[in-house]
Amino acid sequence: MHKLLIPVDGSANASRALAYALKFAKEIGPVELHLLTVHPEPVIYGEIQVYVSKEKMEELQRKHSEDILRPAIEAARAADVSYTSDILIGDTAPMIIKRADELNCDGIVMGTRGMGAIGNLVMGSVATKVVHLTTVPVTLVK
């Protein structure tokens, strides 16, 4: 069975990448998709510490990540494609690469520009890093 890692961030391009991966999975036969979202380590400093604990911030980030993953999970279920899902904490590109390696994925299918900062010009900084640092094939969807 082929394994594909699909990073999901809630962007339109990530949704198109998932749609592409689902179509691909239906065409080539048994494929397992691994849906992944990554969020940074919560940073709490200054006066905000008085109002929001680190635990509360982690809970809020986890809920937000679950909300981002939910449509992707529903799409995989509706397409009747085998999938797993995961939420990781850390620097996005290295975490995508690490998880693809841990799962022995055959490839990564991802959007070219996500929900990141304005600096994500052309292809997007996360996609650029993944393409240059991973050892598995990457399919970029615009």
N, C-alpha and C. Protein backbone atom coordinates (compact mmCIF):
# COMPACT_ATOMS: atom_id res chain seq x y z
N MET A 1 0.84 -1.18 0.00
CA MET A 1 0.00 0.00 0.00
C MET A 1 0.88 1.24 0.00
N HIS A 2 0.52 2.19 -0.84
CA HIS A 2 1.24 3.46 -0.89
C HIS A 2 0.80 4.34 0.28
N LYS A 3 1.74 5.13 0.80
CA LYS A 3 1.44 6.07 1.88
C LYS A 3 1.81 7.47 1.41
N LEU A 4 0.85 8.38 1.57
CA LEU A 4 1.09 9.78 1.23
C LEU A 4 0.81 10.65 2.44
N LEU A 5 1.70 11.60 2.69
CA LEU A 5 1.51 12.57 3.77
C LEU A 5 0.88 13.81 3.16
N ILE A 6 -0.21 14.27 3.79
CA ILE A 6 -0.92 15.46 3.32
C ILE A 6 -0.93 16.51 4.43
N PRO A 7 -0.05 17.51 4.37
CA PRO A 7 -0.09 18.58 5.37
C PRO A 7 -1.34 19.44 5.14
N VAL A 8 -2.04 19.75 6.22
CA VAL A 8 -3.28 20.51 6.15
C VAL A 8 -3.15 21.73 7.05
N ASP A 9 -3.48 22.90 6.51
CA ASP A 9 -3.39 24.12 7.32
C ASP A 9 -4.64 24.99 7.22
N GLY A 10 -5.67 24.51 6.57
CA GLY A 10 -6.90 25.27 6.45
C GLY A 10 -6.95 26.18 5.24
N SER A 11 -5.88 26.23 4.46
CA SER A 11 -5.85 27.09 3.28
C SER A 11 -6.55 26.44 2.09
N ALA A 12 -6.92 27.26 1.11
CA ALA A 12 -7.53 26.75 -0.11
C ALA A 12 -6.56 25.83 -0.86
N ASN A 13 -5.29 26.18 -0.88
CA ASN A 13 -4.31 25.34 -1.58
C ASN A 13 -4.15 23.98 -0.90
N ALA A 14 -4.19 23.94 0.41
CA ALA A 14 -4.12 22.66 1.13
C ALA A 14 -5.35 21.82 0.81
N SER A 15 -6.50 22.46 0.70
CA SER A 15 -7.73 21.74 0.34
C SER A 15 -7.63 21.16 -1.07
N ARG A 16 -7.07 21.93 -1.99
CA ARG A 16 -6.89 21.42 -3.36
C ARG A 16 -5.87 20.27 -3.38
N ALA A 17 -4.85 20.36 -2.55
CA ALA A 17 -3.87 19.27 -2.47
C ALA A 17 -4.54 18.00 -1.94
N LEU A 18 -5.39 18.14 -0.96
CA LEU A 18 -6.12 16.98 -0.43
C LEU A 18 -7.03 16.40 -1.50
N ALA A 19 -7.76 17.24 -2.22
CA ALA A 19 -8.64 16.76 -3.29
C ALA A 19 -7.84 16.00 -4.34
N TYR A 20 -6.67 16.52 -4.68
CA TYR A 20 -5.79 15.85 -5.64
C TYR A 20 -5.37 14.48 -5.11
N ALA A 21 -4.97 14.44 -3.84
CA ALA A 21 -4.52 13.18 -3.23
C ALA A 21 -5.66 12.16 -3.16
N LEU A 22 -6.85 12.62 -2.85
CA LEU A 22 -8.01 11.71 -2.79
C LEU A 22 -8.32 11.14 -4.18
N LYS A 23 -8.27 11.97 -5.18
CA LYS A 23 -8.50 11.51 -6.56
C LYS A 23 -7.42 10.51 -6.97
N PHE A 24 -6.18 10.84 -6.65
CA PHE A 24 -5.05 9.96 -6.95
C PHE A 24 -5.23 8.61 -6.26
N ALA A 25 -5.63 8.65 -5.00
CA ALA A 25 -5.83 7.42 -4.23
C ALA A 25 -6.90 6.54 -4.87
N LYS A 26 -7.96 7.15 -5.35
CA LYS A 26 -9.03 6.39 -6.00
C LYS A 26 -8.56 5.77 -7.31
N GLU A 27 -7.68 6.46 -8.02
CA GLU A 27 -7.22 6.00 -9.33
C GLU A 27 -6.20 4.88 -9.26
N ILE A 28 -5.28 4.94 -8.28
CA ILE A 28 -4.19 3.96 -8.28
C ILE A 28 -4.41 2.79 -7.34
N GLY A 29 -5.49 2.82 -6.59
CA GLY A 29 -5.73 1.66 -5.72
C GLY A 29 -5.37 1.93 -4.28
N PRO A 30 -4.97 0.91 -3.56
CA PRO A 30 -4.82 1.09 -2.11
C PRO A 30 -3.75 2.12 -1.75
N VAL A 31 -4.24 3.20 -1.16
CA VAL A 31 -3.37 4.28 -0.70
C VAL A 31 -3.84 4.67 0.69
N GLU A 32 -2.89 4.86 1.58
CA GLU A 32 -3.22 5.38 2.90
C GLU A 32 -2.74 6.82 2.96
N LEU A 33 -3.66 7.72 3.30
CA LEU A 33 -3.31 9.12 3.46
C LEU A 33 -3.03 9.39 4.93
N HIS A 34 -2.01 10.16 5.17
CA HIS A 34 -1.75 10.60 6.54
C HIS A 34 -1.94 12.10 6.56
N LEU A 35 -3.02 12.55 7.19
CA LEU A 35 -3.35 13.96 7.30
C LEU A 35 -2.63 14.54 8.50
N LEU A 36 -1.96 15.66 8.28
CA LEU A 36 -1.10 16.23 9.31
C LEU A 36 -1.29 17.73 9.39
N THR A 37 -1.42 18.23 10.60
CA THR A 37 -1.33 19.67 10.81
C THR A 37 -0.28 19.91 11.89
N VAL A 38 0.43 21.00 11.73
CA VAL A 38 1.52 21.34 12.66
C VAL A 38 1.28 22.76 13.16
N HIS A 39 1.39 22.94 14.46
CA HIS A 39 1.33 24.29 15.00
C HIS A 39 2.56 24.54 15.85
N PRO A 40 2.96 25.81 15.96
CA PRO A 40 4.16 26.12 16.73
C PRO A 40 3.95 25.94 18.23
N GLU A 41 5.03 25.80 18.92
CA GLU A 41 5.02 25.76 20.38
C GLU A 41 4.40 27.06 20.88
N PRO A 42 3.46 27.00 21.82
CA PRO A 42 2.85 28.25 22.30
C PRO A 42 3.88 29.13 23.00
N VAL A 43 3.82 30.40 22.70
CA VAL A 43 4.72 31.36 23.32
C VAL A 43 3.87 32.29 24.18
N ILE A 44 4.11 32.23 25.46
CA ILE A 44 3.35 33.06 26.39
C ILE A 44 4.35 33.90 27.18
N TYR A 45 4.21 35.21 27.07
CA TYR A 45 5.15 36.08 27.75
C TYR A 45 4.43 37.35 28.21
N GLY A 46 5.09 38.09 29.00
CA GLY A 46 4.55 39.37 29.45
C GLY A 46 3.26 39.22 30.23
N GLU A 47 2.40 40.21 30.09
CA GLU A 47 1.16 40.26 30.85
C GLU A 47 0.17 39.17 30.49
N ILE A 48 0.29 38.60 29.31
CA ILE A 48 -0.65 37.56 28.89
C ILE A 48 -0.59 36.35 29.84
N GLN A 49 0.57 36.13 30.47
CA GLN A 49 0.72 35.01 31.41
C GLN A 49 -0.29 35.10 32.55
N VAL A 50 -0.68 36.31 32.89
CA VAL A 50 -1.63 36.51 33.98
C VAL A 50 -3.01 35.98 33.59
N TYR A 51 -3.35 36.07 32.31
CA TYR A 51 -4.68 35.75 31.84
C TYR A 51 -4.80 34.37 31.19
N VAL A 52 -3.72 33.89 30.61
CA VAL A 52 -3.77 32.62 29.89
C VAL A 52 -2.59 31.75 30.31
N SER A 53 -2.87 30.59 30.87
CA SER A 53 -1.80 29.67 31.26
C SER A 53 -1.27 28.94 30.03
N LYS A 54 -0.10 28.38 30.17
CA LYS A 54 0.48 27.60 29.07
C LYS A 54 -0.45 26.43 28.73
N GLU A 55 -1.03 25.80 29.74
CA GLU A 55 -1.93 24.67 29.51
C GLU A 55 -3.16 25.11 28.72
N LYS A 56 -3.71 26.27 29.06
CA LYS A 56 -4.88 26.79 28.34
C LYS A 56 -4.53 27.11 26.90
N MET A 57 -3.36 27.71 26.68
CA MET A 57 -2.92 28.04 25.33
C MET A 57 -2.74 26.76 24.51
N GLU A 58 -2.14 25.73 25.12
CA GLU A 58 -1.97 24.45 24.43
C GLU A 58 -3.32 23.85 24.07
N GLU A 59 -4.28 23.95 24.99
CA GLU A 59 -5.63 23.44 24.73
C GLU A 59 -6.28 24.19 23.57
N LEU A 60 -6.14 25.51 23.54
CA LEU A 60 -6.70 26.31 22.46
C LEU A 60 -6.06 25.97 21.12
N GLN A 61 -4.74 25.79 21.11
CA GLN A 61 -4.06 25.43 19.88
C GLN A 61 -4.49 24.05 19.40
N ARG A 62 -4.63 23.11 20.31
CA ARG A 62 -5.06 21.76 19.93
C ARG A 62 -6.47 21.81 19.33
N LYS A 63 -7.36 22.56 19.95
CA LYS A 63 -8.72 22.68 19.42
C LYS A 63 -8.70 23.30 18.03
N HIS A 64 -7.89 24.34 17.87
CA HIS A 64 -7.77 24.98 16.55
C HIS A 64 -7.23 23.98 15.52
N SER A 65 -6.24 23.20 15.89
CA SER A 65 -5.68 22.19 14.98
C SER A 65 -6.73 21.13 14.63
N GLU A 66 -7.52 20.72 15.61
CA GLU A 66 -8.59 19.76 15.34
C GLU A 66 -9.61 20.35 14.38
N ASP A 67 -9.91 21.63 14.53
CA ASP A 67 -10.83 22.30 13.62
C ASP A 67 -10.27 22.36 12.20
N ILE A 68 -8.96 22.53 12.08
CA ILE A 68 -8.32 22.54 10.76
C ILE A 68 -8.37 21.16 10.13
N LEU A 69 -8.14 20.12 10.92
CA LEU A 69 -8.13 18.75 10.39
C LEU A 69 -9.52 18.21 10.05
N ARG A 70 -10.53 18.67 10.76
CA ARG A 70 -11.88 18.09 10.61
C ARG A 70 -12.37 18.01 9.16
N PRO A 71 -12.31 19.09 8.36
CA PRO A 71 -12.79 18.97 6.98
C PRO A 71 -11.99 17.96 6.15
N ALA A 72 -10.70 17.85 6.42
CA ALA A 72 -9.87 16.88 5.69
C ALA A 72 -10.27 15.46 6.06
N ILE A 73 -10.52 15.23 7.33
CA ILE A 73 -10.96 13.90 7.78
C ILE A 73 -12.31 13.55 7.17
N GLU A 74 -13.22 14.51 7.17
CA GLU A 74 -14.54 14.28 6.58
C GLU A 74 -14.43 13.98 5.09
N ALA A 75 -13.55 14.68 4.39
CA ALA A 75 -13.37 14.43 2.95
C ALA A 75 -12.80 13.04 2.70
N ALA A 76 -11.84 12.61 3.51
CA ALA A 76 -11.26 11.27 3.35
C ALA A 76 -12.31 10.19 3.64
N ARG A 77 -13.11 10.40 4.66
CA ARG A 77 -14.20 9.45 4.97
C ARG A 77 -15.20 9.37 3.82
N ALA A 78 -15.61 10.53 3.33
CA ALA A 78 -16.58 10.58 2.24
C ALA A 78 -16.06 9.90 0.98
N ALA A 79 -14.75 10.01 0.74
CA ALA A 79 -14.14 9.38 -0.43
C ALA A 79 -13.84 7.90 -0.20
N ASP A 80 -14.05 7.44 1.03
CA ASP A 80 -13.78 6.05 1.42
C ASP A 80 -12.31 5.68 1.17
N VAL A 81 -11.44 6.60 1.57
CA VAL A 81 -10.00 6.39 1.44
C VAL A 81 -9.43 6.19 2.85
N SER A 82 -8.55 5.22 2.98
CA SER A 82 -7.92 4.94 4.26
C SER A 82 -7.06 6.14 4.68
N TYR A 83 -7.16 6.52 5.95
CA TYR A 83 -6.40 7.67 6.41
C TYR A 83 -6.08 7.53 7.91
N THR A 84 -5.08 8.27 8.31
CA THR A 84 -4.80 8.52 9.72
C THR A 84 -4.61 10.03 9.83
N SER A 85 -4.64 10.55 11.04
CA SER A 85 -4.42 11.98 11.21
C SER A 85 -3.56 12.23 12.43
N ASP A 86 -2.91 13.38 12.42
CA ASP A 86 -1.97 13.68 13.48
C ASP A 86 -1.86 15.19 13.65
N ILE A 87 -1.62 15.62 14.87
CA ILE A 87 -1.32 17.01 15.18
C ILE A 87 0.05 17.03 15.83
N LEU A 88 0.95 17.81 15.27
CA LEU A 88 2.30 17.92 15.83
C LEU A 88 2.58 19.36 16.23
N ILE A 89 3.52 19.51 17.13
CA ILE A 89 3.92 20.82 17.62
C ILE A 89 5.38 21.04 17.25
N GLY A 90 5.67 22.18 16.63
CA GLY A 90 7.05 22.49 16.27
C GLY A 90 7.13 23.32 15.01
N ASP A 91 8.32 23.37 14.45
CA ASP A 91 8.58 24.09 13.21
C ASP A 91 7.99 23.28 12.06
N THR A 92 7.12 23.89 11.27
CA THR A 92 6.28 23.16 10.31
C THR A 92 7.05 22.29 9.32
N ALA A 93 7.95 22.87 8.54
CA ALA A 93 8.63 22.09 7.50
C ALA A 93 9.41 20.91 8.08
N PRO A 94 10.25 21.11 9.08
CA PRO A 94 10.97 19.95 9.64
C PRO A 94 10.04 18.88 10.22
N MET A 95 8.92 19.29 10.80
CA MET A 95 7.99 18.32 11.36
C MET A 95 7.31 17.51 10.25
N ILE A 96 6.98 18.16 9.14
CA ILE A 96 6.40 17.44 7.99
C ILE A 96 7.39 16.40 7.50
N ILE A 97 8.62 16.79 7.31
CA ILE A 97 9.66 15.89 6.80
C ILE A 97 9.89 14.74 7.78
N LYS A 98 10.00 15.05 9.04
CA LYS A 98 10.23 14.03 10.07
C LYS A 98 9.10 13.01 10.08
N ARG A 99 7.85 13.49 10.02
CA ARG A 99 6.71 12.57 10.07
C ARG A 99 6.64 11.71 8.82
N ALA A 100 6.95 12.28 7.67
CA ALA A 100 6.96 11.49 6.43
C ALA A 100 8.01 10.38 6.53
N ASP A 101 9.15 10.69 7.11
CA ASP A 101 10.20 9.67 7.29
C ASP A 101 9.76 8.61 8.29
N GLU A 102 9.19 9.03 9.42
CA GLU A 102 8.75 8.08 10.45
C GLU A 102 7.71 7.09 9.91
N LEU A 103 6.86 7.58 9.03
CA LEU A 103 5.78 6.74 8.49
C LEU A 103 6.19 5.99 7.22
N ASN A 104 7.43 6.20 6.78
CA ASN A 104 7.91 5.61 5.52
C ASN A 104 6.97 5.95 4.36
N CYS A 105 6.63 7.23 4.27
CA CYS A 105 5.73 7.68 3.21
C CYS A 105 6.42 7.60 1.85
N ASP A 106 5.61 7.32 0.84
CA ASP A 106 6.10 7.28 -0.54
C ASP A 106 6.14 8.67 -1.15
N GLY A 107 5.45 9.61 -0.54
CA GLY A 107 5.43 10.97 -1.06
C GLY A 107 4.67 11.91 -0.16
N ILE A 108 4.80 13.19 -0.47
CA ILE A 108 4.10 14.26 0.23
C ILE A 108 3.32 15.03 -0.82
N VAL A 109 2.06 15.30 -0.55
CA VAL A 109 1.23 16.12 -1.43
C VAL A 109 0.80 17.33 -0.62
N MET A 110 1.18 18.52 -1.09
CA MET A 110 0.89 19.71 -0.30
C MET A 110 0.62 20.92 -1.18
N GLY A 111 -0.07 21.90 -0.61
CA GLY A 111 -0.32 23.16 -1.29
C GLY A 111 0.94 23.99 -1.38
N THR A 112 0.95 24.89 -2.35
CA THR A 112 2.14 25.70 -2.56
C THR A 112 2.21 26.92 -1.66
N ARG A 113 1.06 27.38 -1.21
CA ARG A 113 1.04 28.52 -0.29
C ARG A 113 -0.03 28.27 0.73
N GLY A 114 0.33 28.40 1.98
CA GLY A 114 -0.63 28.13 3.04
C GLY A 114 -1.10 29.39 3.73
N MET A 115 -1.33 29.26 5.00
CA MET A 115 -1.87 30.35 5.79
C MET A 115 -0.76 31.14 6.48
N GLY A 116 0.47 30.99 6.03
CA GLY A 116 1.60 31.63 6.68
C GLY A 116 1.67 33.12 6.41
N ALA A 117 2.77 33.72 6.81
CA ALA A 117 2.96 35.16 6.71
C ALA A 117 3.13 35.61 5.27
N ILE A 118 3.12 36.92 5.07
CA ILE A 118 3.25 37.51 3.74
C ILE A 118 4.55 37.11 3.07
N GLY A 119 5.55 36.74 3.81
CA GLY A 119 6.83 36.34 3.24
C GLY A 119 6.78 35.08 2.41
N ASN A 120 5.63 34.39 2.40
CA ASN A 120 5.50 33.15 1.61
C ASN A 120 5.29 33.49 0.14
N LEU A 121 6.27 34.08 -0.47
CA LEU A 121 6.17 34.46 -1.87
C LEU A 121 6.43 33.26 -2.77
N VAL A 122 5.97 33.35 -3.98
CA VAL A 122 6.10 32.34 -5.02
C VAL A 122 5.52 31.01 -4.58
N MET A 123 6.32 30.13 -4.03
CA MET A 123 5.88 28.78 -3.69
C MET A 123 5.51 28.66 -2.22
N GLY A 124 5.95 29.55 -1.41
CA GLY A 124 5.69 29.45 0.02
C GLY A 124 6.92 28.90 0.72
N SER A 125 7.24 29.47 1.86
CA SER A 125 8.47 29.08 2.53
C SER A 125 8.43 27.66 3.07
N VAL A 126 7.27 27.19 3.55
CA VAL A 126 7.18 25.82 4.07
C VAL A 126 7.35 24.83 2.91
N ALA A 127 6.64 25.06 1.82
CA ALA A 127 6.77 24.17 0.66
C ALA A 127 8.20 24.16 0.13
N THR A 128 8.82 25.31 0.07
CA THR A 128 10.20 25.40 -0.41
C THR A 128 11.13 24.57 0.47
N LYS A 129 11.00 24.71 1.78
CA LYS A 129 11.85 23.95 2.70
C LYS A 129 11.61 22.46 2.55
N VAL A 130 10.35 22.06 2.47
CA VAL A 130 10.04 20.63 2.35
C VAL A 130 10.65 20.06 1.07
N VAL A 131 10.47 20.76 -0.04
CA VAL A 131 11.01 20.29 -1.32
C VAL A 131 12.52 20.11 -1.24
N HIS A 132 13.19 21.06 -0.62
CA HIS A 132 14.66 21.02 -0.59
C HIS A 132 15.24 20.08 0.46
N LEU A 133 14.50 19.79 1.52
CA LEU A 133 15.07 19.01 2.61
C LEU A 133 14.62 17.55 2.69
N THR A 134 13.51 17.21 2.06
CA THR A 134 13.02 15.84 2.17
C THR A 134 13.71 14.91 1.16
N THR A 135 13.64 13.64 1.45
CA THR A 135 14.20 12.64 0.52
C THR A 135 13.10 11.92 -0.26
N VAL A 136 11.83 12.26 0.02
CA VAL A 136 10.73 11.61 -0.69
C VAL A 136 10.17 12.58 -1.73
N PRO A 137 9.53 12.04 -2.78
CA PRO A 137 8.94 12.92 -3.79
C PRO A 137 7.86 13.82 -3.19
N VAL A 138 7.79 15.04 -3.69
CA VAL A 138 6.79 16.01 -3.23
C VAL A 138 5.98 16.47 -4.43
N THR A 139 4.67 16.41 -4.32
CA THR A 139 3.77 16.94 -5.33
C THR A 139 3.18 18.21 -4.76
N LEU A 140 3.39 19.33 -5.49
CA LEU A 140 2.86 20.60 -5.06
C LEU A 140 1.62 20.93 -5.86
N VAL A 141 0.58 21.36 -5.17
CA VAL A 141 -0.69 21.67 -5.81
C VAL A 141 -0.97 23.14 -5.58
N LYS A 142 -1.29 23.81 -6.65
CA LYS A 142 -1.52 25.26 -6.62
C LYS A 142 -2.98 25.56 -6.38
